[in-house]
């Protein structure tokens, strides 16, 4: 029961990043880059404090994947915040989720990993869902939404690169804390160029996204991940875009339409097909 509760709280935290970002940036409470910087700083402080508390000190996690991890994280944060100037919470989360899946698939191809047919099919379904969102029409994003969608695709690419760089990390929490700290010098100059003064609500939303739904959310996720295993973790993450869409509907009055749910079925179905292991029947007598 405790594992289920912690997993549910973590998925809500991940989905809340979309809602909080849209809530702050969409109405103009804070600039997109300013939100990303405050989120990054709050997350870095929270993660650094957790590492000091849980590990009793700092240890350099090594150079392997550090540069690509930091660049990927910075790209994710900037693209994520900029995209939410024009996307609603649920659509943004779905585009992010689908792009991450396609990026991970491309990474497997580039690494010459064996790619079974169902992963090809899953990636194709996810791409089909993204194409459905972007397609013109009354229920689609329209031409004005293609720019924000492209920015969210950049965020998904960044998170995919970040995930690929962090595979096999001996201490994921410490590696994430270092990546947050090292990404600050990359994001800070962009925030200075933005020069949009945030109001108190915008700052509070960005701090909450960084310290609570990112910092604490990642810490809890890394704690429960070994108990969940890869298959159940993949299933759990399928709920994130749906939770984000529901949160956007309740808190921001952004009710998703039928096209969103159809696209969600394609993207999430593709991710499930590509991620989950196939059960093999035991040989009969």
Protein backbone atom coordinates (compact mmCIF):
# COMPACT_ATOMS: atom_id res chain seq x y z
CA UNK A 1 0.00 0.00 0.00
CA UNK A 2 2.86 2.38 0.87
CA UNK A 3 4.55 1.71 -2.47
CA UNK A 4 1.32 2.42 -4.37
CA UNK A 5 0.78 5.67 -2.47
CA UNK A 6 4.33 6.91 -3.03
CA UNK A 7 4.18 6.01 -6.72
CA UNK A 8 0.87 7.84 -7.12
CA UNK A 9 2.24 10.93 -5.36
CA UNK A 10 5.29 10.91 -7.63
CA UNK A 11 3.20 10.72 -10.80
CA UNK A 12 1.06 13.59 -9.52
CA UNK A 13 4.23 15.57 -8.86
CA UNK A 14 5.52 14.96 -12.39
CA UNK A 15 2.19 15.99 -13.89
CA UNK A 16 2.06 19.04 -11.61
CA UNK A 17 5.19 20.41 -13.28
CA UNK A 18 3.14 20.93 -16.43
CA UNK A 19 0.23 22.51 -14.58
CA UNK A 20 2.42 24.81 -12.47
CA UNK A 21 4.47 25.92 -15.47
CA UNK A 22 1.39 26.64 -17.56
CA UNK A 23 -0.24 28.41 -14.59
CA UNK A 24 2.73 30.72 -14.16
CA UNK A 25 3.80 31.35 -17.75
CA UNK A 26 0.48 31.22 -19.62
CA UNK A 27 -1.23 34.19 -17.91
CA UNK A 28 2.06 36.13 -17.66
CA UNK A 29 2.74 35.85 -13.93
CA UNK A 30 6.37 35.12 -14.81
CA UNK A 31 8.51 34.91 -17.93
CA UNK A 32 9.22 31.47 -19.35
CA UNK A 33 13.00 31.61 -18.90
CA UNK A 34 12.66 33.20 -15.46
CA UNK A 35 10.39 30.31 -14.46
CA UNK A 36 12.96 27.81 -15.72
CA UNK A 37 15.78 29.51 -13.78
CA UNK A 38 13.87 29.72 -10.49
CA UNK A 39 12.72 26.13 -10.91
CA UNK A 40 16.32 25.07 -11.56
CA UNK A 41 17.68 26.97 -8.55
CA UNK A 42 14.97 25.69 -6.20
CA UNK A 43 15.48 22.15 -7.44
CA UNK A 44 19.27 22.41 -7.06
CA UNK A 45 18.99 23.62 -3.47
CA UNK A 46 16.47 20.90 -2.57
CA UNK A 47 18.45 18.10 -4.20
CA UNK A 48 21.75 19.31 -2.71
CA UNK A 49 20.16 19.37 0.74
CA UNK A 50 18.78 15.86 0.27
CA UNK A 51 22.17 14.53 -0.84
CA UNK A 52 23.90 16.08 2.17
CA UNK A 53 21.24 14.73 4.51
CA UNK A 54 20.99 11.21 3.06
CA UNK A 55 24.60 10.71 1.98
CA UNK A 56 26.39 12.78 4.62
CA UNK A 57 28.49 14.63 2.03
CA UNK A 58 29.23 15.22 -1.63
CA UNK A 59 30.91 12.88 -4.04
CA UNK A 60 31.65 13.66 -7.69
CA UNK A 61 29.61 11.15 -9.74
CA UNK A 62 32.17 11.04 -12.53
CA UNK A 63 32.48 12.60 -15.97
CA UNK A 64 30.58 9.92 -17.85
CA UNK A 65 27.50 11.48 -19.39
CA UNK A 66 27.95 14.70 -17.42
CA UNK A 67 28.19 17.15 -20.34
CA UNK A 68 25.32 15.63 -22.32
CA UNK A 69 23.29 15.30 -19.10
CA UNK A 70 23.70 18.97 -18.17
CA UNK A 71 23.01 20.19 -21.73
CA UNK A 72 19.99 17.90 -21.96
CA UNK A 73 18.60 19.15 -18.65
CA UNK A 74 19.05 22.81 -19.62
CA UNK A 75 17.37 22.20 -23.00
CA UNK A 76 14.48 20.44 -21.28
CA UNK A 77 13.90 23.24 -18.76
CA UNK A 78 14.07 26.08 -21.29
CA UNK A 79 12.02 24.35 -23.98
CA UNK A 80 9.45 23.17 -21.43
CA UNK A 81 8.82 26.66 -20.05
CA UNK A 82 8.81 28.42 -23.43
CA UNK A 83 6.36 25.87 -24.87
CA UNK A 84 3.82 26.54 -22.13
CA UNK A 85 3.30 30.05 -23.40
CA UNK A 86 1.16 28.47 -26.12
CA UNK A 87 0.24 24.90 -25.09
CA UNK A 88 -2.24 23.79 -22.50
CA UNK A 89 -1.02 21.57 -19.66
CA UNK A 90 -2.25 18.23 -20.99
CA UNK A 91 -1.14 18.74 -24.59
CA UNK A 92 2.30 19.88 -23.49
CA UNK A 93 2.77 16.83 -21.27
CA UNK A 94 1.65 14.52 -24.07
CA UNK A 95 4.02 16.06 -26.63
CA UNK A 96 6.87 15.85 -24.12
CA UNK A 97 6.07 12.22 -23.31
CA UNK A 98 5.87 11.18 -26.96
CA UNK A 99 9.08 12.99 -27.93
CA UNK A 100 11.00 11.42 -25.06
CA UNK A 101 9.88 7.98 -26.24
CA UNK A 102 10.98 8.67 -29.82
CA UNK A 103 14.33 10.06 -28.58
CA UNK A 104 14.97 6.99 -26.44
CA UNK A 105 14.13 4.83 -29.46
CA UNK A 106 16.57 6.79 -31.64
CA UNK A 107 19.22 6.46 -28.94
CA UNK A 108 18.78 2.68 -28.97
CA UNK A 109 19.26 2.65 -32.76
CA UNK A 110 22.38 4.82 -32.56
CA UNK A 111 23.82 2.56 -29.87
CA UNK A 112 23.10 -0.44 -32.11
CA UNK A 113 20.98 -2.07 -29.43
CA UNK A 114 18.71 -4.87 -30.65
CA UNK A 115 15.34 -3.30 -31.43
CA UNK A 116 12.41 -5.73 -31.52
CA UNK A 117 9.51 -5.19 -33.87
CA UNK A 118 7.15 -4.05 -31.13
CA UNK A 119 9.48 -1.13 -30.31
CA UNK A 120 9.33 -0.03 -33.95
CA UNK A 121 5.54 -0.29 -33.82
CA UNK A 122 5.41 1.59 -30.52
CA UNK A 123 7.54 4.44 -31.85
CA UNK A 124 5.36 4.65 -34.96
CA UNK A 125 2.20 4.87 -32.85
CA UNK A 126 3.73 7.61 -30.68
CA UNK A 127 4.73 9.58 -33.78
CA UNK A 128 1.23 9.13 -35.13
CA UNK A 129 -0.22 10.60 -31.96
CA UNK A 130 2.09 13.61 -32.15
CA UNK A 131 1.16 14.12 -35.81
CA UNK A 132 -2.52 14.01 -34.88
CA UNK A 133 -2.05 16.79 -32.33
CA UNK A 134 -0.15 18.94 -34.82
CA UNK A 135 -2.52 18.31 -37.75
CA UNK A 136 -4.59 21.32 -38.88
CA UNK A 137 -8.25 21.37 -38.04
CA UNK A 138 -10.73 22.78 -35.60
CA UNK A 139 -9.55 20.59 -32.73
CA UNK A 140 -5.85 20.74 -33.57
CA UNK A 141 -3.17 23.15 -32.46
CA UNK A 142 -3.30 25.19 -35.64
CA UNK A 143 -0.39 27.04 -37.21
CA UNK A 144 0.11 29.23 -34.13
CA UNK A 145 0.58 26.14 -31.98
CA UNK A 146 3.34 24.56 -34.07
CA UNK A 147 6.01 26.82 -32.57
CA UNK A 148 5.17 25.87 -28.95
CA UNK A 149 4.90 22.23 -29.98
CA UNK A 150 8.36 22.42 -31.56
CA UNK A 151 9.72 23.93 -28.33
CA UNK A 152 8.16 21.10 -26.32
CA UNK A 153 9.72 18.64 -28.76
CA UNK A 154 13.09 20.28 -27.96
CA UNK A 155 12.29 19.77 -24.27
CA UNK A 156 11.45 16.10 -24.92
CA UNK A 157 14.66 15.68 -26.90
CA UNK A 158 16.59 17.24 -24.01
CA UNK A 159 14.96 14.98 -21.45
CA UNK A 160 15.55 11.95 -23.63
CA UNK A 161 19.25 12.83 -23.96
CA UNK A 162 19.37 13.45 -20.21
CA UNK A 163 17.83 10.05 -19.53
CA UNK A 164 20.20 8.28 -21.91
CA UNK A 165 23.19 10.02 -20.32
CA UNK A 166 22.08 9.01 -16.82
CA UNK A 167 21.54 5.32 -17.48
CA UNK A 168 23.63 3.19 -15.17
CA UNK A 169 24.41 6.00 -12.70
CA UNK A 170 25.54 4.49 -9.41
CA UNK A 171 23.74 7.20 -7.42
CA UNK A 172 20.96 8.78 -9.53
CA UNK A 173 19.99 11.26 -6.80
CA UNK A 174 23.53 12.64 -6.46
CA UNK A 175 24.00 12.70 -10.25
CA UNK A 176 20.75 14.64 -10.64
CA UNK A 177 21.78 17.14 -7.95
CA UNK A 178 25.09 17.77 -9.72
CA UNK A 179 23.34 18.17 -13.08
CA UNK A 180 20.97 20.76 -11.61
CA UNK A 181 23.86 22.71 -10.10
CA UNK A 182 25.96 22.58 -13.27
CA UNK A 183 23.02 23.67 -15.45
CA UNK A 184 22.59 26.96 -13.55
CA UNK A 185 25.39 28.81 -15.44
CA UNK A 186 23.78 27.79 -18.75
CA UNK A 187 20.29 29.05 -17.90
CA UNK A 188 21.25 32.18 -15.90
CA UNK A 189 22.40 34.33 -18.87
CA UNK A 190 19.17 33.59 -20.75
CA UNK A 191 17.09 34.66 -17.76
CA UNK A 192 19.04 37.93 -17.52
CA UNK A 193 18.23 38.60 -21.18
CA UNK A 194 14.54 37.97 -20.51
CA UNK A 195 14.16 40.87 -18.08
CA UNK A 196 10.50 40.17 -17.27
CA UNK A 197 9.78 40.96 -13.64
CA UNK A 198 7.70 38.12 -12.14
CA UNK A 199 4.97 38.71 -9.60
CA UNK A 200 4.71 36.90 -6.27
CA UNK A 201 2.42 34.22 -7.66
CA UNK A 202 4.79 33.45 -10.53
CA UNK A 203 7.74 33.12 -8.17
CA UNK A 204 5.77 30.87 -5.81
CA UNK A 205 4.70 28.58 -8.66
CA UNK A 206 8.28 28.30 -9.96
CA UNK A 207 9.69 27.57 -6.48
CA UNK A 208 7.02 24.92 -5.92
CA UNK A 209 7.83 23.33 -9.27
CA UNK A 210 11.55 23.26 -8.50
CA UNK A 211 11.63 22.36 -4.82
CA UNK A 212 8.56 20.14 -4.46
CA UNK A 213 7.38 18.60 -7.71
CA UNK A 214 10.89 18.36 -9.22
CA UNK A 215 13.35 18.04 -6.33
CA UNK A 216 11.27 16.03 -3.88
CA UNK A 217 9.45 14.28 -6.72
CA UNK A 218 12.70 12.97 -8.20
CA UNK A 219 13.97 11.92 -4.77
CA UNK A 220 10.85 9.85 -4.04
CA UNK A 221 10.92 8.37 -7.56
CA UNK A 222 14.49 7.16 -7.17
CA UNK A 223 13.55 5.64 -3.80
CA UNK A 224 10.59 3.63 -5.14
CA UNK A 225 12.01 2.78 -8.58
CA UNK A 226 14.02 -0.30 -7.44
CA UNK A 227 10.89 -1.71 -5.81
CA UNK A 228 8.70 -1.07 -8.85
CA UNK A 229 10.93 -2.57 -11.51
CA UNK A 230 11.07 -1.42 -15.13
CA UNK A 231 7.69 -2.77 -16.23
CA UNK A 232 5.60 -1.28 -13.44
CA UNK A 233 7.55 2.00 -13.64
CA UNK A 234 6.68 2.25 -17.34
CA UNK A 235 3.00 1.62 -16.61
CA UNK A 236 2.98 4.22 -13.84
CA UNK A 237 4.44 6.92 -16.07
CA UNK A 238 1.67 6.39 -18.62
CA UNK A 239 -0.62 8.23 -16.20
CA UNK A 240 1.36 11.49 -16.21
CA UNK A 241 -0.13 13.17 -19.34
CA UNK A 242 -3.62 12.14 -18.28
CA UNK A 243 -3.15 13.58 -14.77
CA UNK A 244 -1.73 16.77 -16.30
CA UNK A 245 -4.76 17.08 -18.60
CA UNK A 246 -7.17 16.59 -15.70
CA UNK A 247 -5.22 19.06 -13.55
CA UNK A 248 -5.32 21.63 -16.35
CA UNK A 249 -9.06 21.12 -16.73
CA UNK A 250 -9.75 21.57 -13.01
CA UNK A 251 -7.30 24.36 -12.15
CA UNK A 252 -6.92 26.22 -15.46
CA UNK A 253 -10.24 25.50 -17.21
CA UNK A 254 -8.38 23.80 -20.09
CA UNK A 255 -10.72 20.93 -20.89
CA UNK A 256 -9.13 18.62 -23.49
CA UNK A 257 -11.17 17.69 -26.53
CA UNK A 258 -11.73 14.41 -28.33
CA UNK A 259 -8.65 14.79 -30.52
CA UNK A 260 -6.43 15.02 -27.43
CA UNK A 261 -7.76 11.76 -26.01
CA UNK A 262 -7.37 10.00 -29.35
CA UNK A 263 -3.80 11.26 -29.64
CA UNK A 264 -3.20 10.28 -26.01
CA UNK A 265 -4.36 6.76 -26.78
CA UNK A 266 -1.89 6.53 -29.68
CA UNK A 267 1.07 8.03 -27.80
CA UNK A 268 0.54 6.17 -24.54
CA UNK A 269 -0.34 2.94 -26.34
CA UNK A 270 2.86 3.26 -28.36
CA UNK A 271 4.92 3.87 -25.23
CA UNK A 272 3.35 0.88 -23.51
CA UNK A 273 3.97 -1.34 -26.53
CA UNK A 274 7.60 -0.24 -26.75
CA UNK A 275 8.37 -0.30 -23.01
CA UNK A 276 6.60 -3.25 -21.48
CA UNK A 277 8.05 -6.74 -21.65
CA UNK A 278 6.16 -9.47 -23.46
CA UNK A 279 5.01 -12.25 -21.19
CA UNK A 280 6.13 -15.60 -22.45
CA UNK A 281 4.11 -18.65 -21.67
CA UNK A 282 5.86 -21.40 -19.85
CA UNK A 283 6.28 -24.52 -21.98
CA UNK A 284 3.41 -26.96 -21.52
CA UNK A 285 3.78 -30.57 -20.35
